[in-house]
Amino acid sequence: MSSGLRSHLLRERVENASNGDSMLQSTAPTLGSGNLHDVVRLPAGEDINEWLAVNIMDVFNQVRMLYGTIIDQCTNEVCPQMTAGPAYEYFWTENDRILPCSAPLYIDYVMTWVQDQLDDESIFPSQVGRLFPWDFMEVCEGIMRRLFRVYAHVYSAHAARFNELNATPHLNTSFKQFILFARQFQLVPARELEPLRTKIEELVGT
């Protein structure tokens, strides 16, 4: 399968994802049961930007579907701030303005912003051979940093719901793949990962 076709299929999965319990089932083929270190490692001869693009779309798809399973529990009333435990709060920045907002509003901003990046042909070209922008790595870092915050909020505020759904192993596998991918390409600074440091050490070590 060509890199361009893989990107096209992943883009379709992102666009066609729907809410509900079926989300967890639909991501199962993506996660698989193999060695996740091998899953995220750049294959020989693969263009690194193409590989980053494919995996970023896959990560976004997973995060969106995982969040969809608890979206009815994450409301303005239940989660009035976008937090990752008592010590961390996130604010949305737009046009140099810092906007405090509820968790569902912040996550909606994240999902909309990431989707806009993925849909921008000048950033994520869908045609094989078309050049990626010179600052593509920086774009990927921004996306991964914001998607990590969704994981951080889910773990800190909604872990009980995943336990009720017997879906914690799936959440952990998804997050483990996220961390291994982030580490492989140095996409998220260590300081940003601090809210889930204990969970990361549990899943992948130091």
C-alpha atoms as a PDB file:
ATOM      1  CA  MET A   1       0.000   0.000   0.000  1.00  0.00           C
ATOM      2  CA  SER A   2       1.452   3.366  -0.958  1.00  0.00           C
ATOM      3  CA  SER A   3       1.981   6.112   1.605  1.00  0.00           C
ATOM      4  CA  GLY A   4      -0.507   8.316  -0.204  1.00  0.00           C
ATOM      5  CA  LEU A   5      -3.185   5.638  -0.095  1.00  0.00           C
ATOM      6  CA  ARG A   6      -2.550   5.042   3.613  1.00  0.00           C
ATOM      7  CA  SER A   7      -3.004   8.742   4.245  1.00  0.00           C
ATOM      8  CA  HIS A   8      -6.224   8.736   2.242  1.00  0.00           C
ATOM      9  CA  LEU A   9      -7.650   5.802   4.190  1.00  0.00           C
ATOM     10  CA  LEU A  10      -6.731   7.316   7.533  1.00  0.00           C
ATOM     11  CA  ARG A  11      -8.271  10.626   6.505  1.00  0.00           C
ATOM     12  CA  GLU A  12     -11.491   8.779   5.645  1.00  0.00           C
ATOM     13  CA  ARG A  13     -11.479   7.063   9.049  1.00  0.00           C
ATOM     14  CA  VAL A  14     -11.184  10.428  10.767  1.00  0.00           C
ATOM     15  CA  GLU A  15     -13.989  11.972   8.732  1.00  0.00           C
ATOM     16  CA  ASN A  16     -16.329   9.005   9.028  1.00  0.00           C
ATOM     17  CA  ALA A  17     -15.923   8.350  12.765  1.00  0.00           C
ATOM     18  CA  SER A  18     -19.249   8.450  14.615  1.00  0.00           C
ATOM     19  CA  ASN A  19     -20.150   8.779  18.287  1.00  0.00           C
ATOM     20  CA  GLY A  20     -21.163   5.853  20.483  1.00  0.00           C
ATOM     21  CA  ASP A  21     -19.841   2.587  21.889  1.00  0.00           C
ATOM     22  CA  SER A  22     -18.883   1.439  18.380  1.00  0.00           C
ATOM     23  CA  MET A  23     -15.970   3.877  18.575  1.00  0.00           C
ATOM     24  CA  LEU A  24     -13.934   1.565  20.752  1.00  0.00           C
ATOM     25  CA  GLN A  25     -14.545  -1.319  18.378  1.00  0.00           C
ATOM     26  CA  SER A  26     -13.617   0.686  15.299  1.00  0.00           C
ATOM     27  CA  THR A  27     -10.184   1.601  16.644  1.00  0.00           C
ATOM     28  CA  ALA A  28      -9.239  -1.977  17.497  1.00  0.00           C
ATOM     29  CA  PRO A  29      -7.676  -2.750  14.083  1.00  0.00           C
ATOM     30  CA  THR A  30      -5.550   0.384  14.389  1.00  0.00           C
ATOM     31  CA  LEU A  31      -4.117  -0.540  17.773  1.00  0.00           C
ATOM     32  CA  GLY A  32      -3.712  -4.252  17.170  1.00  0.00           C
ATOM     33  CA  SER A  33      -1.793  -6.496  19.516  1.00  0.00           C
ATOM     34  CA  GLY A  34       1.708  -6.302  18.072  1.00  0.00           C
ATOM     35  CA  ASN A  35       4.792  -4.548  19.387  1.00  0.00           C
ATOM     36  CA  LEU A  36       3.849  -0.886  19.632  1.00  0.00           C
ATOM     37  CA  HIS A  37       7.499   0.139  19.417  1.00  0.00           C
ATOM     38  CA  ASP A  38       7.559  -1.356  15.924  1.00  0.00           C
ATOM     39  CA  VAL A  39       4.227   0.244  15.051  1.00  0.00           C
ATOM     40  CA  VAL A  40       5.543   3.781  15.534  1.00  0.00           C
ATOM     41  CA  ARG A  41       9.081   3.274  14.198  1.00  0.00           C
ATOM     42  CA  LEU A  42       9.839   4.841  10.803  1.00  0.00           C
ATOM     43  CA  PRO A  43      10.081   2.026   8.231  1.00  0.00           C
ATOM     44  CA  ALA A  44      13.165   1.877   6.042  1.00  0.00           C
ATOM     45  CA  GLY A  45      12.741   3.985   2.938  1.00  0.00           C
ATOM     46  CA  GLU A  46       9.650   5.785   4.249  1.00  0.00           C
ATOM     47  CA  ASP A  47       9.487   9.569   4.011  1.00  0.00           C
ATOM     48  CA  ILE A  48       9.483  10.916   7.551  1.00  0.00           C
ATOM     49  CA  ASN A  49       6.937  13.642   6.849  1.00  0.00           C
ATOM     50  CA  GLU A  50       4.566  11.157   5.242  1.00  0.00           C
ATOM     51  CA  TRP A  51       5.006   8.834   8.227  1.00  0.00           C
ATOM     52  CA  LEU A  52       4.337  11.665  10.668  1.00  0.00           C
ATOM     53  CA  ALA A  53       1.228  12.670   8.733  1.00  0.00           C
ATOM     54  CA  VAL A  54      -0.189   9.141   8.707  1.00  0.00           C
ATOM     55  CA  ASN A  55       0.392   8.685  12.417  1.00  0.00           C
ATOM     56  CA  ILE A  56      -0.887  12.130  13.382  1.00  0.00           C
ATOM     57  CA  MET A  57      -4.157  11.377  11.589  1.00  0.00           C
ATOM     58  CA  ASP A  58      -4.341   8.017  13.332  1.00  0.00           C
ATOM     59  CA  VAL A  59      -3.702   9.592  16.747  1.00  0.00           C
ATOM     60  CA  PHE A  60      -6.377  12.206  16.121  1.00  0.00           C
ATOM     61  CA  ASN A  61      -8.835   9.519  15.099  1.00  0.00           C
ATOM     62  CA  GLN A  62      -8.161   7.559  18.281  1.00  0.00           C
ATOM     63  CA  VAL A  63      -8.384  10.568  20.600  1.00  0.00           C
ATOM     64  CA  ARG A  64     -11.615  11.746  19.042  1.00  0.00           C
ATOM     65  CA  MET A  65     -13.217   8.335  19.353  1.00  0.00           C
ATOM     66  CA  LEU A  66     -12.009   7.791  22.910  1.00  0.00           C
ATOM     67  CA  TYR A  67     -13.329  11.178  23.984  1.00  0.00           C
ATOM     68  CA  GLY A  68     -16.602  10.378  22.260  1.00  0.00           C
ATOM     69  CA  THR A  69     -17.203   7.516  24.667  1.00  0.00           C
ATOM     70  CA  ILE A  70     -17.362   9.883  27.643  1.00  0.00           C
ATOM     71  CA  ILE A  71     -18.599  13.058  25.962  1.00  0.00           C
ATOM     72  CA  ASP A  72     -21.931  12.825  27.780  1.00  0.00           C
ATOM     73  CA  GLN A  73     -20.029  12.832  31.091  1.00  0.00           C
ATOM     74  CA  CYS A  74     -17.795  15.789  30.222  1.00  0.00           C
ATOM     75  CA  THR A  75     -20.115  18.790  30.471  1.00  0.00           C
ATOM     76  CA  ASN A  76     -19.714  22.450  31.353  1.00  0.00           C
ATOM     77  CA  GLU A  77     -21.232  21.717  34.749  1.00  0.00           C
ATOM     78  CA  VAL A  78     -19.084  18.672  35.542  1.00  0.00           C
ATOM     79  CA  CYS A  79     -15.861  20.044  34.017  1.00  0.00           C
ATOM     80  CA  PRO A  80     -16.030  23.866  34.195  1.00  0.00           C
ATOM     81  CA  GLN A  81     -12.258  24.128  33.674  1.00  0.00           C
ATOM     82  CA  MET A  82      -9.949  22.244  31.330  1.00  0.00           C
ATOM     83  CA  THR A  83      -7.857  20.526  33.962  1.00  0.00           C
ATOM     84  CA  ALA A  84      -5.557  17.543  34.332  1.00  0.00           C
ATOM     85  CA  GLY A  85      -5.894  17.011  38.053  1.00  0.00           C
ATOM     86  CA  PRO A  86      -5.759  19.787  40.672  1.00  0.00           C
ATOM     87  CA  ALA A  87      -2.340  21.111  39.651  1.00  0.00           C
ATOM     88  CA  TYR A  88      -2.826  21.653  35.907  1.00  0.00           C
ATOM     89  CA  GLU A  89      -5.251  23.863  34.021  1.00  0.00           C
ATOM     90  CA  TYR A  90      -5.152  24.575  30.284  1.00  0.00           C
ATOM     91  CA  PHE A  91      -6.290  27.732  28.508  1.00  0.00           C
ATOM     92  CA  TRP A  92      -7.029  28.187  24.839  1.00  0.00           C
ATOM     93  CA  THR A  93      -4.958  30.822  23.064  1.00  0.00           C
ATOM     94  CA  GLU A  94      -6.386  32.632  20.060  1.00  0.00           C
ATOM     95  CA  ASN A  95      -5.084  35.803  18.415  1.00  0.00           C
ATOM     96  CA  ASP A  96      -2.740  36.342  21.374  1.00  0.00           C
ATOM     97  CA  ARG A  97      -5.682  36.146  23.773  1.00  0.00           C
ATOM     98  CA  ILE A  98      -5.741  33.596  26.584  1.00  0.00           C
ATOM     99  CA  LEU A  99      -9.226  32.174  26.958  1.00  0.00           C
ATOM    100  CA  PRO A 100     -10.221  30.236  30.083  1.00  0.00           C
ATOM    101  CA  CYS A 101     -12.862  27.706  29.120  1.00  0.00           C
ATOM    102  CA  SER A 102     -14.606  24.544  30.207  1.00  0.00           C
ATOM    103  CA  ALA A 103     -13.138  21.167  29.315  1.00  0.00           C
ATOM    104  CA  PRO A 104     -15.750  20.356  26.646  1.00  0.00           C
ATOM    105  CA  LEU A 105     -15.287  23.768  25.028  1.00  0.00           C
ATOM    106  CA  TYR A 106     -11.490  23.475  25.110  1.00  0.00           C
ATOM    107  CA  ILE A 107     -11.606  19.985  23.627  1.00  0.00           C
ATOM    108  CA  ASP A 108     -14.021  21.171  20.945  1.00  0.00           C
ATOM    109  CA  TYR A 109     -11.521  23.915  20.081  1.00  0.00           C
ATOM    110  CA  VAL A 110      -8.758  21.298  19.902  1.00  0.00           C
ATOM    111  CA  MET A 111     -10.719  18.931  17.676  1.00  0.00           C
ATOM    112  CA  THR A 112     -11.808  21.717  15.339  1.00  0.00           C
ATOM    113  CA  TRP A 113      -8.307  23.177  15.139  1.00  0.00           C
ATOM    114  CA  VAL A 114      -6.664  19.808  14.440  1.00  0.00           C
ATOM    115  CA  GLN A 115      -9.283  18.918  11.831  1.00  0.00           C
ATOM    116  CA  ASP A 116      -8.624  22.244  10.105  1.00  0.00           C
ATOM    117  CA  GLN A 117      -4.900  21.427   9.993  1.00  0.00           C
ATOM    118  CA  LEU A 118      -5.575  17.974   8.541  1.00  0.00           C
ATOM    119  CA  ASP A 119      -7.910  19.391   5.906  1.00  0.00           C
ATOM    120  CA  ASP A 120      -5.420  22.038   4.795  1.00  0.00           C
ATOM    121  CA  GLU A 121      -3.742  20.708   1.645  1.00  0.00           C
ATOM    122  CA  SER A 122      -0.822  23.082   2.130  1.00  0.00           C
ATOM    123  CA  ILE A 123      -0.055  21.395   5.476  1.00  0.00           C
ATOM    124  CA  PHE A 124      -1.215  17.786   5.016  1.00  0.00           C
ATOM    125  CA  PRO A 125      -1.071  17.175   1.244  1.00  0.00           C
ATOM    126  CA  SER A 126      -3.133  14.186   0.149  1.00  0.00           C
ATOM    127  CA  GLN A 127      -1.339  13.734  -3.181  1.00  0.00           C
ATOM    128  CA  VAL A 128       1.812  11.619  -3.276  1.00  0.00           C
ATOM    129  CA  GLY A 129       4.863  13.674  -4.166  1.00  0.00           C
ATOM    130  CA  ARG A 130       3.477  17.003  -3.025  1.00  0.00           C
ATOM    131  CA  LEU A 131       5.856  18.720  -0.629  1.00  0.00           C
ATOM    132  CA  PHE A 132       5.110  19.201   3.036  1.00  0.00           C
ATOM    133  CA  PRO A 133       5.680  22.690   4.503  1.00  0.00           C
ATOM    134  CA  TRP A 134       9.135  23.503   5.859  1.00  0.00           C
ATOM    135  CA  ASP A 135       7.735  23.820   9.390  1.00  0.00           C
ATOM    136  CA  PHE A 136       5.756  20.565   9.278  1.00  0.00           C
ATOM    137  CA  MET A 137       7.521  19.131  12.332  1.00  0.00           C
ATOM    138  CA  GLU A 138       6.500  22.208  14.317  1.00  0.00           C
ATOM    139  CA  VAL A 139       2.895  21.733  13.193  1.00  0.00           C
ATOM    140  CA  CYS A 140       3.004  18.112  14.355  1.00  0.00           C
ATOM    141  CA  GLU A 141       4.407  19.176  17.717  1.00  0.00           C
ATOM    142  CA  GLY A 142       1.540  21.619  18.220  1.00  0.00           C
ATOM    143  CA  ILE A 143      -1.052  18.991  17.353  1.00  0.00           C
ATOM    144  CA  MET A 144       0.476  16.349  19.606  1.00  0.00           C
ATOM    145  CA  ARG A 145       0.806  18.759  22.516  1.00  0.00           C
ATOM    146  CA  ARG A 146      -2.883  19.632  22.370  1.00  0.00           C
ATOM    147  CA  LEU A 147      -4.012  16.035  21.895  1.00  0.00           C
ATOM    148  CA  PHE A 148      -1.974  15.031  24.935  1.00  0.00           C
ATOM    149  CA  ARG A 149      -4.034  17.460  26.990  1.00  0.00           C
ATOM    150  CA  VAL A 150      -7.182  15.583  25.994  1.00  0.00           C
ATOM    151  CA  TYR A 151      -5.640  12.346  27.255  1.00  0.00           C
ATOM    152  CA  ALA A 152      -4.574  14.144  30.443  1.00  0.00           C
ATOM    153  CA  HIS A 153      -8.098  15.396  31.108  1.00  0.00           C
ATOM    154  CA  VAL A 154      -9.680  12.041  30.303  1.00  0.00           C
ATOM    155  CA  TYR A 155      -7.378  10.191  32.690  1.00  0.00           C
ATOM    156  CA  SER A 156      -7.749  12.718  35.506  1.00  0.00           C
ATOM    157  CA  ALA A 157     -11.492  13.352  35.266  1.00  0.00           C
ATOM    158  CA  HIS A 158     -13.108  10.396  33.506  1.00  0.00           C
ATOM    159  CA  ALA A 159     -11.073   7.272  34.249  1.00  0.00           C
ATOM    160  CA  ALA A 160     -13.973   5.854  36.261  1.00  0.00           C
ATOM    161  CA  ARG A 161     -16.210   5.938  33.192  1.00  0.00           C
ATOM    162  CA  PHE A 162     -13.692   3.909  31.198  1.00  0.00           C
ATOM    163  CA  ASN A 163     -13.613   1.402  34.042  1.00  0.00           C
ATOM    164  CA  GLU A 164     -17.403   1.158  33.924  1.00  0.00           C
ATOM    165  CA  LEU A 165     -17.219   0.473  30.188  1.00  0.00           C
ATOM    166  CA  ASN A 166     -14.420  -2.093  30.680  1.00  0.00           C
ATOM    167  CA  ALA A 167     -12.471   0.105  28.277  1.00  0.00           C
ATOM    168  CA  THR A 168      -9.478   1.073  30.405  1.00  0.00           C
ATOM    169  CA  PRO A 169      -7.163  -1.429  28.644  1.00  0.00           C
ATOM    170  CA  HIS A 170      -8.080   0.165  25.327  1.00  0.00           C
ATOM    171  CA  LEU A 171      -7.433   3.670  26.666  1.00  0.00           C
ATOM    172  CA  ASN A 172      -4.080   2.549  28.057  1.00  0.00           C
ATOM    173  CA  THR A 173      -3.039   0.913  24.785  1.00  0.00           C
ATOM    174  CA  SER A 174      -3.989   3.993  22.812  1.00  0.00           C
ATOM    175  CA  PHE A 175      -2.092   6.280  25.177  1.00  0.00           C
ATOM    176  CA  LYS A 176       0.927   3.976  25.184  1.00  0.00           C
ATOM    177  CA  GLN A 177       1.079   4.156  21.401  1.00  0.00           C
ATOM    178  CA  PHE A 178       0.730   7.942  21.609  1.00  0.00           C
ATOM    179  CA  ILE A 179       3.645   8.228  24.040  1.00  0.00           C
ATOM    180  CA  LEU A 180       5.887   5.881  22.076  1.00  0.00           C
ATOM    181  CA  PHE A 181       5.194   7.855  18.897  1.00  0.00           C
ATOM    182  CA  ALA A 182       5.801  11.168  20.693  1.00  0.00           C
ATOM    183  CA  ARG A 183       9.089   9.908  22.121  1.00  0.00           C
ATOM    184  CA  GLN A 184      10.241   8.353  18.865  1.00  0.00           C
ATOM    185  CA  PHE A 185      10.081  11.718  17.105  1.00  0.00           C
ATOM    186  CA  GLN A 186      10.443  14.066  20.122  1.00  0.00           C
ATOM    187  CA  LEU A 187       7.053  15.635  19.497  1.00  0.00           C
ATOM    188  CA  VAL A 188       6.032  16.541  23.066  1.00  0.00           C
ATOM    189  CA  PRO A 189       8.420  18.164  25.580  1.00  0.00           C
ATOM    190  CA  ALA A 190       8.886  16.305  28.857  1.00  0.00           C
ATOM    191  CA  ARG A 191       7.463  19.210  30.851  1.00  0.00           C
ATOM    192  CA  GLU A 192       4.172  18.928  28.936  1.00  0.00           C
ATOM    193  CA  LEU A 193       3.911  15.245  29.883  1.00  0.00           C
ATOM    194  CA  GLU A 194       4.256  15.899  33.601  1.00  0.00           C
ATOM    195  CA  PRO A 195       0.507  15.618  34.426  1.00  0.00           C
ATOM    196  CA  LEU A 196       0.581  11.943  33.407  1.00  0.00           C
ATOM    197  CA  ARG A 197       4.147  11.124  34.423  1.00  0.00           C
ATOM    198  CA  THR A 198       3.071   8.294  36.745  1.00  0.00           C
ATOM    199  CA  LYS A 199       0.842   6.746  34.083  1.00  0.00           C
ATOM    200  CA  ILE A 200       3.600   7.044  31.474  1.00  0.00           C
ATOM    201  CA  GLU A 201       6.109   5.335  33.758  1.00  0.00           C
ATOM    202  CA  GLU A 202       3.560   2.582  34.377  1.00  0.00           C
ATOM    203  CA  LEU A 203       2.958   2.008  30.664  1.00  0.00           C
ATOM    204  CA  VAL A 204       6.351   2.586  29.027  1.00  0.00           C
ATOM    205  CA  GLY A 205       8.886   3.244  31.773  1.00  0.00           C
ATOM    206  CA  THR A 206      11.018   6.331  32.285  1.00  0.00           C
END
